[in-house]
């Protein structure tokens, strides 16, 4: 009987030791720094930028503010980042830089000395394909963008409008 007990204990010990070794080997994870392509970096940056804006709106809503209200406050803060002599050309160039850096496609559909109209066919599929992403709707995202930009553009005497339609976002700047 003792021999049977010792045999069972040896098996349990061997099994436990083997299990410990397997767990120890699998627990040792080695990390390495990734080397993404420029395209992968751009895609990650776009996602992170949109996530920050969406999260910002979501937090403001949880504090009882609307997307428009937080957009206006953001616009007031952004004004301080612009030189006082900012004008139509600087605003439009910044907008083109922003939209081309944060979205997949941007088109200038109309331009003159007094007016530039751009379209952005898609903003973020997570917003476009759901009623709500992280507590924020597509309409709230656009309302935030509109309120922010109206404050900045009004400060520099530049007209601004943004709408969502069949072609995506349509953004209009006027002098």
Protein backbone atom coordinates (compact mmCIF):
# COMPACT_ATOMS: atom_id res chain seq x y z
CA UNK A 1 0.00 0.00 0.00
CA UNK A 2 2.80 2.37 0.81
CA UNK A 3 4.40 1.56 -2.56
CA UNK A 4 1.18 2.44 -4.34
CA UNK A 5 0.97 5.66 -2.38
CA UNK A 6 4.61 6.53 -3.26
CA UNK A 7 3.99 5.72 -6.93
CA UNK A 8 0.95 7.99 -6.99
CA UNK A 9 2.88 10.74 -5.17
CA UNK A 10 5.77 10.44 -7.67
CA UNK A 11 3.33 10.81 -10.54
CA UNK A 12 1.67 13.81 -8.90
CA UNK A 13 5.08 15.34 -8.20
CA UNK A 14 6.29 14.75 -11.78
CA UNK A 15 3.02 16.08 -13.22
CA UNK A 16 3.16 19.16 -10.96
CA UNK A 17 6.80 19.79 -11.87
CA UNK A 18 6.05 19.43 -15.57
CA UNK A 19 3.03 21.71 -15.25
CA UNK A 20 5.14 24.28 -13.38
CA UNK A 21 7.81 24.22 -16.10
CA UNK A 22 5.23 24.62 -18.88
CA UNK A 23 3.59 27.54 -17.06
CA UNK A 24 6.97 29.18 -16.36
CA UNK A 25 7.98 28.92 -20.03
CA UNK A 26 4.69 30.35 -21.24
CA UNK A 27 4.75 33.14 -18.65
CA UNK A 28 8.02 34.54 -19.96
CA UNK A 29 6.87 36.99 -22.61
CA UNK A 30 9.45 38.89 -24.57
CA UNK A 31 8.49 42.30 -25.92
CA UNK A 32 10.05 44.15 -28.79
CA UNK A 33 9.64 47.63 -30.20
CA UNK A 34 7.48 47.47 -33.34
CA UNK A 35 8.64 49.01 -36.60
CA UNK A 36 5.44 50.16 -38.29
CA UNK A 37 5.42 51.55 -41.79
CA UNK A 38 4.53 55.19 -42.34
CA UNK A 39 1.05 54.08 -43.45
CA UNK A 40 0.56 52.10 -40.24
CA UNK A 41 1.76 55.08 -38.20
CA UNK A 42 -0.68 57.36 -40.00
CA UNK A 43 -3.58 54.97 -39.44
CA UNK A 44 -2.74 54.69 -35.73
CA UNK A 45 -2.44 58.47 -35.42
CA UNK A 46 -5.82 58.98 -37.10
CA UNK A 47 -7.48 56.45 -34.81
CA UNK A 48 -5.90 57.95 -31.68
CA UNK A 49 -6.81 61.52 -32.71
CA UNK A 50 -10.44 60.59 -33.33
CA UNK A 51 -10.52 58.61 -30.07
CA UNK A 52 -9.29 61.64 -28.13
CA UNK A 53 -11.99 63.86 -29.62
CA UNK A 54 -14.70 61.23 -29.07
CA UNK A 55 -13.54 60.60 -25.50
CA UNK A 56 -13.39 64.36 -24.83
CA UNK A 57 -17.00 64.75 -25.95
CA UNK A 58 -18.07 61.70 -23.94
CA UNK A 59 -16.48 63.00 -20.74
CA UNK A 60 -18.03 66.45 -21.27
CA UNK A 61 -21.44 64.84 -21.76
CA UNK A 62 -21.04 62.89 -18.52
CA UNK A 63 -20.43 66.26 -16.84
CA UNK A 64 -23.71 67.59 -18.28
CA UNK A 65 -22.33 69.53 -21.24
CA UNK A 66 -23.44 69.19 -24.84
CA UNK A 67 -21.04 68.61 -27.73
CA UNK A 68 -21.66 72.20 -28.84
CA UNK A 69 -20.84 73.62 -25.41
CA UNK A 70 -17.54 71.75 -25.13
CA UNK A 71 -16.79 72.65 -28.74
CA UNK A 72 -17.20 76.36 -27.99
CA UNK A 73 -14.93 76.08 -24.95
CA UNK A 74 -12.36 74.22 -27.05
CA UNK A 75 -12.52 76.91 -29.71
CA UNK A 76 -11.87 79.59 -27.10
CA UNK A 77 -8.78 77.70 -25.95
CA UNK A 78 -7.57 77.08 -29.52
CA UNK A 79 -7.68 80.81 -30.33
CA UNK A 80 -4.67 81.35 -28.08
CA UNK A 81 -2.61 78.96 -30.24
CA UNK A 82 -3.05 81.12 -33.35
CA UNK A 83 -1.07 84.27 -34.18
CA UNK A 84 -3.21 87.41 -34.04
CA UNK A 85 -2.63 88.15 -37.73
CA UNK A 86 -4.14 84.81 -38.80
CA UNK A 87 -6.37 85.09 -41.81
CA UNK A 88 -8.38 83.14 -44.34
CA UNK A 89 -5.38 81.52 -46.02
CA UNK A 90 -3.83 80.25 -42.77
CA UNK A 91 -7.15 78.89 -41.52
CA UNK A 92 -7.83 77.02 -44.77
CA UNK A 93 -4.29 75.62 -44.97
CA UNK A 94 -4.49 74.42 -41.37
CA UNK A 95 -7.85 72.80 -42.05
CA UNK A 96 -6.46 71.01 -45.09
CA UNK A 97 -3.48 69.80 -43.05
CA UNK A 98 -5.74 68.66 -40.22
CA UNK A 99 -8.25 66.81 -42.37
CA UNK A 100 -5.63 65.13 -44.58
CA UNK A 101 -3.74 64.03 -41.46
CA UNK A 102 -6.80 62.69 -39.68
CA UNK A 103 -8.87 61.17 -42.49
CA UNK A 104 -8.38 58.90 -45.49
CA UNK A 105 -9.59 61.26 -48.21
CA UNK A 106 -10.03 65.00 -48.61
CA UNK A 107 -11.08 66.82 -51.76
CA UNK A 108 -11.20 70.51 -52.63
CA UNK A 109 -14.47 70.81 -54.55
CA UNK A 110 -14.55 74.58 -54.95
CA UNK A 111 -12.05 77.35 -54.48
CA UNK A 112 -11.65 81.04 -55.16
CA UNK A 113 -10.07 84.01 -53.39
CA UNK A 114 -13.20 84.30 -51.24
CA UNK A 115 -14.29 80.70 -50.74
CA UNK A 116 -12.91 77.18 -50.31
CA UNK A 117 -15.12 74.11 -50.00
CA UNK A 118 -13.67 70.74 -49.07
CA UNK A 119 -15.28 67.36 -48.65
CA UNK A 120 -14.25 64.52 -46.39
CA UNK A 121 -16.15 61.41 -47.54
CA UNK A 122 -15.65 59.47 -44.29
CA UNK A 123 -14.83 60.50 -40.76
CA UNK A 124 -14.62 57.35 -38.68
CA UNK A 125 -16.40 54.10 -39.54
CA UNK A 126 -17.09 53.47 -35.86
CA UNK A 127 -19.14 56.69 -35.74
CA UNK A 128 -20.70 56.29 -39.17
CA UNK A 129 -21.83 52.69 -38.70
CA UNK A 130 -23.31 52.94 -35.20
CA UNK A 131 -25.80 55.10 -33.42
CA UNK A 132 -23.20 55.74 -30.78
CA UNK A 133 -19.50 54.99 -30.22
CA UNK A 134 -18.08 55.48 -26.72
CA UNK A 135 -21.24 57.41 -25.88
CA UNK A 136 -20.92 59.80 -28.84
CA UNK A 137 -22.93 59.95 -32.06
CA UNK A 138 -21.77 61.11 -35.47
CA UNK A 139 -24.02 64.16 -35.09
CA UNK A 140 -22.37 65.07 -31.78
CA UNK A 141 -18.90 64.68 -33.28
CA UNK A 142 -19.86 67.05 -36.10
CA UNK A 143 -21.54 69.46 -33.66
CA UNK A 144 -18.31 69.58 -31.64
CA UNK A 145 -16.21 70.22 -34.75
CA UNK A 146 -18.63 72.90 -35.93
CA UNK A 147 -18.78 74.73 -32.60
CA UNK A 148 -14.99 74.64 -32.17
CA UNK A 149 -14.27 75.94 -35.65
CA UNK A 150 -16.97 78.61 -35.62
CA UNK A 151 -15.42 80.17 -32.52
CA UNK A 152 -11.93 80.17 -34.07
CA UNK A 153 -13.08 81.31 -37.51
CA UNK A 154 -15.33 84.06 -36.13
CA UNK A 155 -12.41 85.38 -34.09
CA UNK A 156 -10.37 85.77 -37.28
CA UNK A 157 -13.27 87.02 -39.44
CA UNK A 158 -13.45 83.85 -41.52
CA UNK A 159 -16.81 82.32 -42.38
CA UNK A 160 -17.28 78.64 -41.60
CA UNK A 161 -19.89 75.97 -42.09
CA UNK A 162 -19.83 72.19 -41.88
CA UNK A 163 -22.58 69.75 -42.86
CA UNK A 164 -22.93 66.00 -43.25
CA UNK A 165 -24.58 64.67 -46.39
CA UNK A 166 -24.31 62.10 -49.16
CA UNK A 167 -20.73 63.14 -49.97
CA UNK A 168 -19.70 63.01 -46.30
CA UNK A 169 -18.54 66.17 -44.58
CA UNK A 170 -18.79 69.35 -46.55
CA UNK A 171 -16.73 72.14 -45.02
CA UNK A 172 -16.93 75.70 -46.30
CA UNK A 173 -14.61 78.59 -45.52
CA UNK A 174 -15.41 82.10 -46.72
CA UNK A 175 -13.51 85.34 -46.56
